[in-house]
């Protein structure tokens, strides 16, 4: 579990929040599955601006992977 989920919490509040997040893991796994379907594939090399499109796609995919990693609580 990413430590940002529990940032600023201590003691019993931290443990309560951890349990709540873990209990929601089924929903988080569903969200991960949906997000993974958004990841884009190969560029259209016939476009003159394919390199810019690929750079944008790479950045978007990188952010998707970061969000997916954050949502994995187990």
N, C-alpha and C. Protein backbone atom coordinates (compact mmCIF):
# COMPACT_ATOMS: atom_id res chain seq x y z
N UNK A 1 0.84 -1.17 0.00
CA UNK A 1 0.00 0.00 0.00
C UNK A 1 0.89 1.24 0.00
N UNK A 2 0.57 2.16 -0.85
CA UNK A 2 1.30 3.40 -0.94
C UNK A 2 1.12 4.20 0.35
N UNK A 3 2.20 4.72 0.89
CA UNK A 3 2.14 5.43 2.16
C UNK A 3 1.30 6.71 2.10
N UNK A 4 1.06 7.24 0.91
CA UNK A 4 0.25 8.46 0.80
C UNK A 4 -1.19 8.24 1.22
N UNK A 5 -1.66 6.99 1.19
CA UNK A 5 -3.01 6.70 1.65
C UNK A 5 -3.18 7.07 3.12
N UNK A 6 -2.13 6.90 3.90
CA UNK A 6 -2.23 7.07 5.35
C UNK A 6 -1.45 8.28 5.87
N UNK A 7 -1.00 9.12 4.99
CA UNK A 7 -0.19 10.27 5.38
C UNK A 7 -0.95 11.17 6.36
N UNK A 8 -0.29 11.53 7.42
CA UNK A 8 -0.85 12.42 8.41
C UNK A 8 -1.69 11.74 9.47
N UNK A 9 -1.90 10.44 9.34
CA UNK A 9 -2.69 9.71 10.33
C UNK A 9 -1.77 8.98 11.30
N UNK A 10 -2.23 8.81 12.52
CA UNK A 10 -1.45 8.09 13.52
C UNK A 10 -2.37 7.18 14.31
N UNK A 11 -1.76 6.20 14.95
CA UNK A 11 -2.47 5.34 15.88
C UNK A 11 -3.70 4.66 15.32
N UNK A 12 -4.78 4.78 16.09
CA UNK A 12 -6.02 4.10 15.74
C UNK A 12 -6.63 4.62 14.44
N UNK A 13 -6.52 5.91 14.19
CA UNK A 13 -7.06 6.49 12.95
C UNK A 13 -6.35 5.89 11.73
N UNK A 14 -5.06 5.69 11.85
CA UNK A 14 -4.28 5.12 10.75
C UNK A 14 -4.72 3.68 10.48
N UNK A 15 -4.89 2.90 11.54
CA UNK A 15 -5.29 1.51 11.38
C UNK A 15 -6.71 1.40 10.84
N UNK A 16 -7.59 2.26 11.30
CA UNK A 16 -8.98 2.27 10.81
C UNK A 16 -9.02 2.59 9.33
N UNK A 17 -8.25 3.58 8.92
CA UNK A 17 -8.22 3.96 7.51
C UNK A 17 -7.61 2.85 6.66
N UNK A 18 -6.56 2.21 7.15
CA UNK A 18 -5.94 1.10 6.42
C UNK A 18 -6.95 -0.02 6.19
N UNK A 19 -7.71 -0.36 7.23
CA UNK A 19 -8.72 -1.41 7.10
C UNK A 19 -9.81 -1.02 6.11
N UNK A 20 -10.21 0.25 6.13
CA UNK A 20 -11.25 0.72 5.20
C UNK A 20 -10.77 0.61 3.76
N UNK A 21 -9.52 0.97 3.53
CA UNK A 21 -8.95 0.92 2.17
C UNK A 21 -8.84 -0.53 1.70
N UNK A 22 -8.33 -1.39 2.55
CA UNK A 22 -8.19 -2.80 2.19
C UNK A 22 -9.57 -3.42 1.92
N UNK A 23 -10.58 -3.02 2.69
CA UNK A 23 -11.93 -3.53 2.47
C UNK A 23 -12.48 -3.08 1.12
N UNK A 24 -11.97 -1.98 0.61
CA UNK A 24 -12.42 -1.45 -0.68
C UNK A 24 -11.58 -1.97 -1.84
N UNK A 25 -10.72 -2.93 -1.58
CA UNK A 25 -9.78 -3.38 -2.61
C UNK A 25 -10.46 -3.95 -3.85
N UNK A 26 -11.64 -4.54 -3.69
CA UNK A 26 -12.36 -5.08 -4.86
C UNK A 26 -12.71 -3.96 -5.83
N UNK A 27 -13.20 -2.86 -5.30
CA UNK A 27 -13.54 -1.71 -6.14
C UNK A 27 -12.27 -1.13 -6.77
N UNK A 28 -11.20 -1.07 -6.00
CA UNK A 28 -9.95 -0.54 -6.53
C UNK A 28 -9.43 -1.43 -7.65
N UNK A 29 -9.55 -2.74 -7.51
CA UNK A 29 -9.11 -3.65 -8.57
C UNK A 29 -9.94 -3.47 -9.84
N UNK A 30 -11.23 -3.21 -9.67
CA UNK A 30 -12.09 -2.93 -10.84
C UNK A 30 -11.63 -1.65 -11.52
N UNK A 31 -11.30 -0.63 -10.73
CA UNK A 31 -10.83 0.63 -11.28
C UNK A 31 -9.50 0.43 -12.02
N UNK A 32 -8.63 -0.38 -11.47
CA UNK A 32 -7.35 -0.68 -12.11
C UNK A 32 -7.57 -1.33 -13.47
N UNK A 33 -8.48 -2.28 -13.51
CA UNK A 33 -8.78 -2.97 -14.77
C UNK A 33 -9.28 -1.98 -15.83
N UNK A 34 -10.13 -1.06 -15.43
CA UNK A 34 -10.64 -0.05 -16.36
C UNK A 34 -9.51 0.86 -16.83
N UNK A 35 -8.68 1.31 -15.90
CA UNK A 35 -7.56 2.20 -16.26
C UNK A 35 -6.58 1.51 -17.20
N UNK A 36 -6.33 0.23 -16.98
CA UNK A 36 -5.41 -0.49 -17.86
C UNK A 36 -5.93 -0.54 -19.29
N UNK A 37 -7.23 -0.51 -19.46
CA UNK A 37 -7.80 -0.54 -20.81
C UNK A 37 -7.59 0.79 -21.55
N UNK A 38 -7.27 1.85 -20.82
CA UNK A 38 -7.04 3.16 -21.44
C UNK A 38 -5.65 3.29 -22.06
N UNK A 39 -4.72 2.44 -21.65
CA UNK A 39 -3.35 2.55 -22.14
C UNK A 39 -3.32 2.38 -23.65
N UNK A 40 -2.64 3.28 -24.30
CA UNK A 40 -2.62 3.30 -25.76
C UNK A 40 -1.40 2.59 -26.31
N UNK A 41 -1.53 2.13 -27.55
CA UNK A 41 -0.49 1.34 -28.20
C UNK A 41 0.40 2.11 -29.15
N UNK A 42 0.60 1.57 -30.32
CA UNK A 42 1.57 2.07 -31.28
C UNK A 42 1.10 3.34 -32.00
N UNK A 43 2.05 4.17 -32.38
CA UNK A 43 1.71 5.41 -33.07
C UNK A 43 1.39 5.17 -34.55
N UNK A 44 0.77 6.15 -35.15
CA UNK A 44 0.48 6.12 -36.58
C UNK A 44 1.65 6.81 -37.29
N UNK A 45 2.57 6.02 -37.81
CA UNK A 45 3.78 6.57 -38.42
C UNK A 45 3.51 7.30 -39.73
N UNK A 46 2.31 7.19 -40.26
CA UNK A 46 2.00 7.91 -41.49
C UNK A 46 1.74 9.40 -41.23
N UNK A 47 1.53 9.75 -39.98
CA UNK A 47 1.30 11.16 -39.61
C UNK A 47 2.64 11.88 -39.53
N UNK A 48 2.75 13.08 -40.11
CA UNK A 48 4.01 13.81 -40.04
C UNK A 48 4.40 14.20 -38.61
N UNK A 49 3.45 14.26 -37.72
CA UNK A 49 3.76 14.64 -36.34
C UNK A 49 3.71 13.43 -35.40
N UNK A 50 4.03 12.25 -35.92
CA UNK A 50 3.94 11.03 -35.13
C UNK A 50 4.80 11.08 -33.89
N UNK A 51 5.96 11.73 -33.97
CA UNK A 51 6.87 11.76 -32.81
C UNK A 51 6.23 12.53 -31.64
N UNK A 52 5.55 13.63 -31.95
CA UNK A 52 4.87 14.39 -30.90
C UNK A 52 3.71 13.61 -30.32
N UNK A 53 2.98 12.93 -31.19
CA UNK A 53 1.87 12.11 -30.74
C UNK A 53 2.37 10.97 -29.85
N UNK A 54 3.50 10.38 -30.23
CA UNK A 54 4.07 9.30 -29.44
C UNK A 54 4.55 9.81 -28.09
N UNK A 55 5.17 10.99 -28.06
CA UNK A 55 5.63 11.57 -26.79
C UNK A 55 4.44 11.82 -25.87
N UNK A 56 3.35 12.34 -26.43
CA UNK A 56 2.15 12.58 -25.64
C UNK A 56 1.58 11.28 -25.12
N UNK A 57 1.52 10.27 -25.97
CA UNK A 57 1.00 8.96 -25.59
C UNK A 57 1.87 8.35 -24.48
N UNK A 58 3.18 8.48 -24.62
CA UNK A 58 4.08 7.94 -23.59
C UNK A 58 3.84 8.60 -22.24
N UNK A 59 3.66 9.93 -22.26
CA UNK A 59 3.39 10.64 -21.01
C UNK A 59 2.07 10.23 -20.39
N UNK A 60 1.05 10.10 -21.21
CA UNK A 60 -0.26 9.68 -20.71
C UNK A 60 -0.19 8.27 -20.13
N UNK A 61 0.49 7.38 -20.81
CA UNK A 61 0.63 6.01 -20.32
C UNK A 61 1.42 5.96 -19.02
N UNK A 62 2.45 6.80 -18.91
CA UNK A 62 3.26 6.85 -17.69
C UNK A 62 2.39 7.27 -16.50
N UNK A 63 1.55 8.27 -16.69
CA UNK A 63 0.66 8.72 -15.61
C UNK A 63 -0.36 7.66 -15.26
N UNK A 64 -0.90 6.97 -16.25
CA UNK A 64 -1.83 5.88 -15.98
C UNK A 64 -1.17 4.80 -15.12
N UNK A 65 0.07 4.44 -15.46
CA UNK A 65 0.79 3.42 -14.69
C UNK A 65 1.03 3.89 -13.26
N UNK A 66 1.30 5.20 -13.06
CA UNK A 66 1.50 5.73 -11.71
C UNK A 66 0.21 5.64 -10.89
N UNK A 67 -0.91 5.98 -11.51
CA UNK A 67 -2.20 5.90 -10.81
C UNK A 67 -2.52 4.45 -10.48
N UNK A 68 -2.28 3.54 -11.42
CA UNK A 68 -2.53 2.13 -11.19
C UNK A 68 -1.68 1.62 -10.03
N UNK A 69 -0.42 2.01 -10.01
CA UNK A 69 0.47 1.59 -8.92
C UNK A 69 -0.04 2.11 -7.58
N UNK A 70 -0.54 3.35 -7.56
CA UNK A 70 -1.05 3.94 -6.33
C UNK A 70 -2.30 3.20 -5.84
N UNK A 71 -3.14 2.75 -6.77
CA UNK A 71 -4.38 2.08 -6.39
C UNK A 71 -4.18 0.64 -5.91
N UNK A 72 -3.03 0.06 -6.19
CA UNK A 72 -2.78 -1.31 -5.74
C UNK A 72 -2.48 -1.27 -4.25
N UNK A 73 -3.45 -1.76 -3.46
CA UNK A 73 -3.31 -1.68 -2.00
C UNK A 73 -2.87 -3.00 -1.38
N UNK A 74 -2.76 -4.03 -2.16
CA UNK A 74 -2.31 -5.31 -1.62
C UNK A 74 -1.06 -5.76 -2.32
